Amino acid sequence: MSDRGVLLVNLGSPASPAPGDVRRFLREFLMDGRVLDLPWLVRLAVVELAILPRRTGASASAYREIWTPEGSPLVVSGGRLAAAVERGAGLPVELGMRYQEPSIGGAIGRLVGRGVRQVLVVPLFPHYAMSSYETAVERVREVALRRAPAIRFEFVPPYYDYPRYIEALVASAEEPMRAGFDHLLFSFHGLPERHLRRSDPTGSHCLRRADCCEVPSVAHGTCYRHQCLRTVRAFVAAAGVAEGKTSVAFQSRMGKDPWLQPSTECELERLARGGVRRLLVLCPAFVADCLETIEEIGVRGRERFLAAGGGEFIRVPCLNEHPLWIRAVVGMVERFMAGGRLQAAEVNSSS
């Protein structure tokens, strides 16, 4: 019997849409220094005095709109994905969330209880960002050092152009694309520009020139924007989308500091005013539907597009438990089972 297992890691969700649970989730999320990268005392003041009083009620209302009888869509989908990957790979798989439950610590404990001594960690974030991929990986390392120091952990690198991931993305959008569309908008989660600069190991490449994402650099290994654009390029090539029928935007902006541009809100209005009658919106940075895809894009994004004069608005669901996405994750696990280390170039060029 193998002593290997898999840990899937995602961001997390409130325990319920009740304001108290939402407030606890937002507090834990926003007090993470990789999310709100301010000095601790400043961060505490901003979160407790400015953000939570204003956002808790609105966020609770939004969560109520997307909540299912089984619970949070993100957690429910993650659990189903874990079960499917376990069946496909034939070894223990657990789901852990960076914030709230099911916790990373609990997931590691369950793997240890199942006899696992080597763990492949699959962050459910295709692109590198300090506020998603990095914080999840560092949390696993922190918990593992404290609770399972004898266990060996290996981490799947960002898989933004992993062919099986791209194949699953294309398949998820195949039906609405086949029906015809005027434009395909790729909406990625936004980041403050300073996060890209802080993640740049050279300290002199990211956002230093307009075409920085096209100029070869070691910085691309941790550059969220470059990796997002690589996903779009790979999708367009695989799906055969005609030139001029796509654009890229970044959603979920918070605060007044410069964020990646253009914003999804502005892009939706621009497309509507430009005469787009049938718009498809794909959110490749999210592998599971959640508040940002169902409510922010599917509800508020649709309303903004229609109010600006747009026609039909189609949100392409996230990968969730799509068979090809399950196959993609199982493919990562099979490389792990084969005994070789998973390097970024290996994942990003495998088929």
Protein backbone atom coordinates (compact mmCIF):
# COMPACT_ATOMS: atom_id res chain seq x y z
CA MET A 1 0.00 0.00 0.00
CA SER A 2 1.30 3.46 -0.91
CA ASP A 3 2.11 5.92 1.88
CA ARG A 4 1.36 8.87 -0.41
CA GLY A 5 -1.58 11.24 -0.28
CA VAL A 6 -2.85 14.51 -1.71
CA LEU A 7 -3.88 17.77 -0.09
CA LEU A 8 -6.05 20.12 -2.15
CA VAL A 9 -5.95 23.69 -0.84
CA ASN A 10 -8.28 26.59 -1.62
CA LEU A 11 -9.02 29.98 -0.08
CA GLY A 12 -12.02 29.25 2.12
CA SER A 13 -15.49 30.43 2.99
CA PRO A 14 -17.56 31.58 5.95
CA ALA A 15 -19.21 28.78 7.92
CA SER A 16 -22.57 30.30 7.01
CA PRO A 17 -23.93 33.52 5.49
CA ALA A 18 -24.80 34.81 8.97
CA PRO A 19 -23.12 38.21 9.63
CA GLY A 20 -21.12 36.86 12.57
CA ASP A 21 -19.63 34.03 10.50
CA VAL A 22 -18.95 36.33 7.56
CA ARG A 23 -17.25 38.82 9.87
CA ARG A 24 -14.99 36.10 11.30
CA PHE A 25 -14.04 34.94 7.81
CA LEU A 26 -13.32 38.46 6.56
CA ARG A 27 -11.26 39.24 9.65
CA GLU A 28 -9.05 36.16 9.21
CA PHE A 29 -8.71 36.76 5.47
CA LEU A 30 -7.91 40.46 5.67
CA MET A 31 -5.54 40.14 8.63
CA ASP A 32 -3.31 37.93 6.50
CA GLY A 33 -0.25 40.05 5.74
CA ARG A 34 -0.02 38.56 2.26
CA VAL A 35 -3.52 39.83 1.46
CA LEU A 36 -3.50 43.24 3.11
CA ASP A 37 0.23 43.92 3.21
CA LEU A 38 0.33 46.70 5.77
CA PRO A 39 2.13 46.83 9.14
CA TRP A 40 0.18 44.75 11.66
CA LEU A 41 -1.18 47.63 13.77
CA VAL A 42 -2.17 49.61 10.69
CA ARG A 43 -3.76 46.51 9.19
CA LEU A 44 -5.69 45.86 12.40
CA ALA A 45 -7.02 49.41 12.48
CA VAL A 46 -8.03 49.37 8.82
CA VAL A 47 -9.76 46.00 9.11
CA GLU A 48 -11.58 46.61 12.39
CA LEU A 49 -12.47 50.26 11.97
CA ALA A 50 -12.90 50.72 8.23
CA ILE A 51 -13.48 47.48 6.33
CA LEU A 52 -15.49 45.19 8.60
CA PRO A 53 -18.11 47.77 9.65
CA ARG A 54 -18.77 48.63 5.99
CA ARG A 55 -18.44 45.26 4.29
CA THR A 56 -19.83 42.66 6.67
CA GLY A 57 -23.51 43.33 5.99
CA ALA A 58 -23.11 43.58 2.23
CA SER A 59 -20.93 40.46 2.08
CA ALA A 60 -23.39 38.49 4.24
CA SER A 61 -26.20 39.49 1.89
CA ALA A 62 -24.14 38.39 -1.12
CA TYR A 63 -23.29 35.05 0.49
CA ARG A 64 -26.98 34.45 1.18
CA GLU A 65 -27.62 34.79 -2.57
CA ILE A 66 -25.16 32.04 -3.49
CA TRP A 67 -25.56 29.66 -0.52
CA THR A 68 -26.82 26.19 -1.34
CA PRO A 69 -28.63 23.63 0.85
CA GLU A 70 -25.30 21.76 1.08
CA GLY A 71 -23.39 24.89 2.09
CA SER A 72 -20.82 27.15 0.48
CA PRO A 73 -20.40 26.40 -3.26
CA LEU A 74 -16.62 26.65 -2.94
CA VAL A 75 -16.43 24.12 -0.11
CA VAL A 76 -19.04 21.77 -1.58
CA SER A 77 -17.31 21.73 -4.97
CA GLY A 78 -13.90 21.25 -3.35
CA GLY A 79 -15.15 18.24 -1.42
CA ARG A 80 -16.56 16.67 -4.56
CA LEU A 81 -13.32 17.31 -6.43
CA ALA A 82 -11.31 15.68 -3.63
CA ALA A 83 -13.55 12.60 -3.70
CA ALA A 84 -13.30 12.35 -7.50
CA VAL A 85 -9.50 12.71 -7.50
CA GLU A 86 -9.25 10.06 -4.78
CA ARG A 87 -11.26 7.65 -6.92
CA GLY A 88 -9.24 8.47 -10.01
CA ALA A 89 -5.78 8.40 -8.42
CA GLY A 90 -6.39 5.59 -5.96
CA LEU A 91 -4.82 7.25 -2.91
CA PRO A 92 -6.03 9.41 0.00
CA VAL A 93 -7.09 12.95 -0.87
CA GLU A 94 -8.19 15.64 1.59
CA LEU A 95 -9.39 19.23 1.18
CA GLY A 96 -8.09 22.08 3.34
CA MET A 97 -8.93 25.79 3.30
CA ARG A 98 -6.47 28.60 3.99
CA TYR A 99 -9.15 30.31 6.09
CA GLN A 100 -11.85 28.68 8.22
CA GLU A 101 -13.10 25.11 7.75
CA PRO A 102 -12.23 22.50 6.64
CA SER A 103 -8.86 23.67 7.93
CA ILE A 104 -5.46 22.79 6.55
CA GLY A 105 -4.47 21.43 9.95
CA GLY A 106 -7.49 19.15 10.07
CA ALA A 107 -6.81 17.90 6.53
CA ILE A 108 -3.17 17.12 7.34
CA GLY A 109 -4.27 15.31 10.49
CA ARG A 110 -6.69 13.17 8.50
CA LEU A 111 -3.99 12.28 5.97
CA VAL A 112 -1.61 11.27 8.76
CA GLY A 113 -4.40 9.19 10.30
CA ARG A 114 -4.77 7.39 6.98
CA GLY A 115 -1.13 6.35 7.02
CA VAL A 116 0.19 9.02 4.65
CA ARG A 117 3.88 9.95 4.94
CA GLN A 118 4.38 11.83 1.68
CA VAL A 119 1.93 14.54 0.62
CA LEU A 120 1.45 16.23 -2.72
CA VAL A 121 -0.09 19.67 -2.15
CA VAL A 122 -2.20 20.97 -5.04
CA PRO A 123 -3.01 24.67 -4.50
CA LEU A 124 -6.27 25.30 -6.34
CA PHE A 125 -4.83 28.51 -7.80
CA PRO A 126 -3.44 28.18 -11.34
CA HIS A 127 -1.53 31.46 -11.11
CA TYR A 128 1.05 32.69 -8.60
CA ALA A 129 0.00 35.50 -6.30
CA MET A 130 1.17 36.28 -2.79
CA SER A 131 -2.48 36.61 -1.68
CA SER A 132 -3.54 33.19 -2.97
CA TYR A 133 -0.93 30.61 -4.04
CA GLU A 134 1.85 31.90 -1.78
CA THR A 135 -0.21 32.30 1.38
CA ALA A 136 -1.74 28.83 0.94
CA VAL A 137 1.66 27.18 0.46
CA GLU A 138 3.22 29.00 3.40
CA ARG A 139 0.30 28.08 5.64
CA VAL A 140 0.72 24.40 4.75
CA ARG A 141 4.42 24.62 5.55
CA GLU A 142 3.74 26.34 8.85
CA VAL A 143 1.11 23.83 9.96
CA ALA A 144 3.13 20.86 8.72
CA LEU A 145 6.23 21.92 10.66
CA ARG A 146 4.17 22.11 13.83
CA ARG A 147 1.88 19.12 13.42
CA ALA A 148 3.60 16.68 11.06
CA PRO A 149 7.36 17.39 10.98
CA ALA A 150 8.17 13.87 9.78
CA ILE A 151 5.94 14.10 6.71
CA ARG A 152 7.44 15.10 3.34
CA PHE A 153 5.45 17.70 1.44
CA GLU A 154 5.77 18.48 -2.26
CA PHE A 155 3.98 21.39 -3.93
CA VAL A 156 2.57 21.57 -7.45
CA PRO A 157 3.87 24.81 -9.01
CA PRO A 158 1.50 27.23 -10.77
CA TYR A 159 -0.09 25.46 -13.73
CA TYR A 160 -1.41 28.43 -15.69
CA ASP A 161 -0.63 26.86 -19.08
CA TYR A 162 -0.63 23.18 -18.12
CA PRO A 163 -2.23 21.64 -21.23
CA ARG A 164 -4.75 19.56 -19.29
CA TYR A 165 -5.89 22.66 -17.37
CA ILE A 166 -6.26 24.56 -20.64
CA GLU A 167 -8.08 21.60 -22.20
CA ALA A 168 -10.55 21.61 -19.30
CA LEU A 169 -11.08 25.38 -19.59
CA VAL A 170 -11.79 25.11 -23.31
CA ALA A 171 -14.18 22.20 -22.75
CA SER A 172 -16.03 24.15 -20.04
CA ALA A 173 -16.72 26.95 -22.53
CA GLU A 174 -17.30 24.74 -25.57
CA GLU A 175 -21.10 24.79 -25.57
CA PRO A 176 -21.62 28.57 -25.27
CA MET A 177 -18.81 29.20 -27.76
CA ARG A 178 -20.39 26.80 -30.23
CA ALA A 179 -23.65 28.78 -30.00
CA GLY A 180 -21.77 31.86 -31.18
CA PHE A 181 -20.64 35.01 -29.41
CA ASP A 182 -19.53 38.53 -30.15
CA HIS A 183 -16.84 38.69 -27.49
CA LEU A 184 -15.13 36.56 -24.84
CA LEU A 185 -13.99 38.38 -21.72
CA PHE A 186 -11.42 36.75 -19.44
CA SER A 187 -11.99 38.16 -15.96
CA PHE A 188 -9.19 37.38 -13.50
CA HIS A 189 -9.11 38.24 -9.82
CA GLY A 190 -7.41 41.60 -9.42
CA LEU A 191 -4.28 42.44 -7.45
CA PRO A 192 -2.71 45.69 -6.25
CA GLU A 193 0.19 46.58 -8.50
CA ARG A 194 2.47 46.62 -5.47
CA HIS A 195 1.90 42.86 -5.02
CA LEU A 196 3.47 42.22 -8.42
CA ARG A 197 6.46 44.39 -7.55
CA ARG A 198 6.90 42.67 -4.19
CA SER A 199 6.81 39.25 -5.87
CA ASP A 200 9.40 40.22 -8.47
CA PRO A 201 12.67 38.49 -7.47
CA THR A 202 14.69 40.84 -9.69
CA GLY A 203 13.18 43.97 -8.18
CA SER A 204 13.42 45.64 -11.56
CA HIS A 205 11.16 43.91 -14.09
CA CYS A 206 7.43 43.76 -13.25
CA LEU A 207 5.46 46.83 -14.37
CA ARG A 208 8.66 48.69 -15.25
CA ARG A 209 7.67 48.91 -18.93
CA ALA A 210 4.45 48.46 -20.88
CA ASP A 211 5.53 45.16 -22.43
CA CYS A 212 7.17 43.67 -19.33
CA CYS A 213 5.07 40.50 -19.55
CA GLU A 214 6.39 39.83 -23.06
CA VAL A 215 10.07 40.32 -22.23
CA PRO A 216 11.68 37.07 -20.98
CA SER A 217 12.55 37.23 -17.28
CA VAL A 218 12.89 35.00 -14.24
CA ALA A 219 10.29 37.33 -12.72
CA HIS A 220 7.60 35.53 -14.71
CA GLY A 221 7.83 32.56 -12.35
CA THR A 222 6.04 34.64 -9.72
CA CYS A 223 4.31 37.22 -11.94
CA TYR A 224 0.53 36.92 -11.73
CA ARG A 225 -0.18 39.18 -14.71
CA HIS A 226 2.26 37.36 -17.01
CA GLN A 227 0.77 34.01 -16.04
CA CYS A 228 -2.80 35.24 -16.60
CA LEU A 229 -1.87 36.42 -20.08
CA ARG A 230 -0.21 33.06 -20.79
CA THR A 231 -3.47 31.31 -19.83
CA VAL A 232 -5.41 33.50 -22.25
CA ARG A 233 -2.91 32.92 -25.05
CA ALA A 234 -3.02 29.15 -24.53
CA PHE A 235 -6.84 29.13 -24.39
CA VAL A 236 -7.22 31.20 -27.56
CA ALA A 237 -4.81 28.94 -29.44
CA ALA A 238 -6.45 25.73 -28.24
CA ALA A 239 -10.01 26.95 -28.86
CA GLY A 240 -9.26 28.67 -32.16
CA VAL A 241 -10.85 31.96 -31.11
CA ALA A 242 -10.61 34.61 -33.80
CA GLU A 243 -8.31 37.57 -33.29
CA GLY A 244 -10.02 40.62 -31.81
CA LYS A 245 -12.81 38.69 -30.09
CA THR A 246 -11.25 38.54 -26.61
CA SER A 247 -10.08 40.88 -23.89
CA VAL A 248 -8.67 40.61 -20.37
CA ALA A 249 -9.80 42.40 -17.21
CA PHE A 250 -9.29 42.17 -13.45
CA GLN A 251 -12.10 42.09 -10.90
CA SER A 252 -12.64 42.41 -7.14
CA ARG A 253 -10.75 45.65 -6.60
CA MET A 254 -10.51 46.87 -3.00
CA GLY A 255 -9.10 50.14 -1.72
CA LYS A 256 -7.71 53.17 -3.53
CA ASP A 257 -4.20 51.99 -4.43
CA PRO A 258 -3.43 51.22 -8.10
CA TRP A 259 -4.64 47.74 -9.13
CA LEU A 260 -4.14 45.79 -12.32
CA GLN A 261 -6.02 47.30 -15.22
CA PRO A 262 -8.45 47.35 -16.86
CA SER A 263 -11.07 46.65 -14.21
CA THR A 264 -13.79 44.17 -15.12
CA GLU A 265 -16.46 46.75 -14.30
CA CYS A 266 -15.03 49.25 -16.79
CA GLU A 267 -14.47 46.56 -19.42
CA LEU A 268 -18.07 45.36 -19.17
CA GLU A 269 -19.31 48.90 -19.75
CA ARG A 270 -16.88 49.47 -22.63
CA LEU A 271 -17.98 46.28 -24.37
CA ALA A 272 -21.66 47.05 -23.93
CA ARG A 273 -21.28 50.57 -25.29
CA GLY A 274 -19.22 49.17 -28.15
CA GLY A 275 -22.17 47.13 -29.37
CA VAL A 276 -21.43 43.66 -27.99
CA ARG A 277 -24.72 41.77 -28.09
CA ARG A 278 -23.66 38.33 -26.85
CA LEU A 279 -20.87 38.33 -24.27
CA LEU A 280 -19.22 35.28 -22.72
CA VAL A 281 -17.31 35.78 -19.47
CA LEU A 282 -14.76 33.23 -18.27
CA CYS A 283 -12.96 33.43 -14.90
CA PRO A 284 -9.84 31.22 -15.29
CA ALA A 285 -8.21 32.17 -11.97
CA PHE A 286 -11.05 30.46 -10.10
CA VAL A 287 -11.25 26.69 -10.48
CA ALA A 288 -14.43 26.53 -8.34
CA ASP A 289 -17.44 28.81 -8.37
CA CYS A 290 -17.61 31.13 -5.39
CA LEU A 291 -18.81 34.57 -4.36
CA GLU A 292 -16.55 36.31 -6.88
CA THR A 293 -17.85 34.32 -9.84
CA ILE A 294 -21.50 33.64 -8.99
CA GLU A 295 -22.46 36.95 -7.39
CA GLU A 296 -19.84 39.49 -8.45
CA ILE A 297 -19.75 38.41 -12.11
CA GLY A 298 -22.99 36.49 -12.57
CA VAL A 299 -25.23 38.99 -10.79
CA ARG A 300 -23.61 42.41 -10.47
CA GLY A 301 -21.49 42.04 -13.61
CA ARG A 302 -24.53 41.05 -15.65
CA GLU A 303 -26.50 44.01 -14.29
CA ARG A 304 -23.71 46.43 -15.15
CA PHE A 305 -23.37 45.05 -18.70
CA LEU A 306 -27.11 45.21 -19.39
CA ALA A 307 -27.46 48.67 -17.84
CA ALA A 308 -24.75 49.95 -20.19
CA GLY A 309 -26.70 48.70 -23.22
CA GLY A 310 -25.28 45.20 -23.65
CA GLY A 311 -27.27 42.26 -24.92
CA GLU A 312 -27.03 38.66 -23.77
CA PHE A 313 -24.60 37.93 -20.90
CA ILE A 314 -23.33 34.37 -20.37
CA ARG A 315 -21.11 33.52 -17.42
CA VAL A 316 -19.18 30.33 -18.12
CA PRO A 317 -19.17 28.20 -14.95
CA CYS A 318 -15.85 27.44 -13.33
CA LEU A 319 -14.21 24.05 -13.72
CA ASN A 320 -15.71 22.75 -10.46
CA GLU A 321 -15.94 18.96 -10.98
CA HIS A 322 -15.64 18.95 -14.77
CA PRO A 323 -14.35 15.52 -15.88
CA LEU A 324 -11.39 17.04 -17.70
CA TRP A 325 -10.43 19.11 -14.66
CA ILE A 326 -10.53 15.98 -12.52
CA ARG A 327 -8.35 14.32 -15.16
CA ALA A 328 -5.94 17.28 -15.01
CA VAL A 329 -5.51 17.01 -11.24
CA VAL A 330 -5.18 13.23 -11.42
CA GLY A 331 -2.45 13.79 -14.02
CA MET A 332 -0.53 15.92 -11.52
CA VAL A 333 -0.93 13.17 -8.92
CA GLU A 334 0.26 10.49 -11.34
CA ARG A 335 3.52 12.38 -11.87
CA PHE A 336 3.93 12.45 -8.10
CA MET A 337 3.21 8.73 -7.89
CA ALA A 338 5.82 8.07 -10.56
CA GLY A 339 8.41 9.34 -8.11
CA GLY A 340 9.71 12.38 -9.96
CA ARG A 341 9.69 15.87 -8.50
CA LEU A 342 7.18 18.24 -10.03
CA GLN A 343 9.02 21.21 -11.45
CA ALA A 344 7.29 24.27 -12.88
CA ALA A 345 8.55 23.65 -16.42
CA GLU A 346 7.46 20.03 -16.14
CA VAL A 347 3.91 20.86 -15.12
CA ASN A 348 3.66 23.68 -17.63
CA SER A 349 4.71 21.50 -20.56
CA SER A 350 3.09 18.17 -19.72
CA SER A 351 0.15 16.77 -21.60
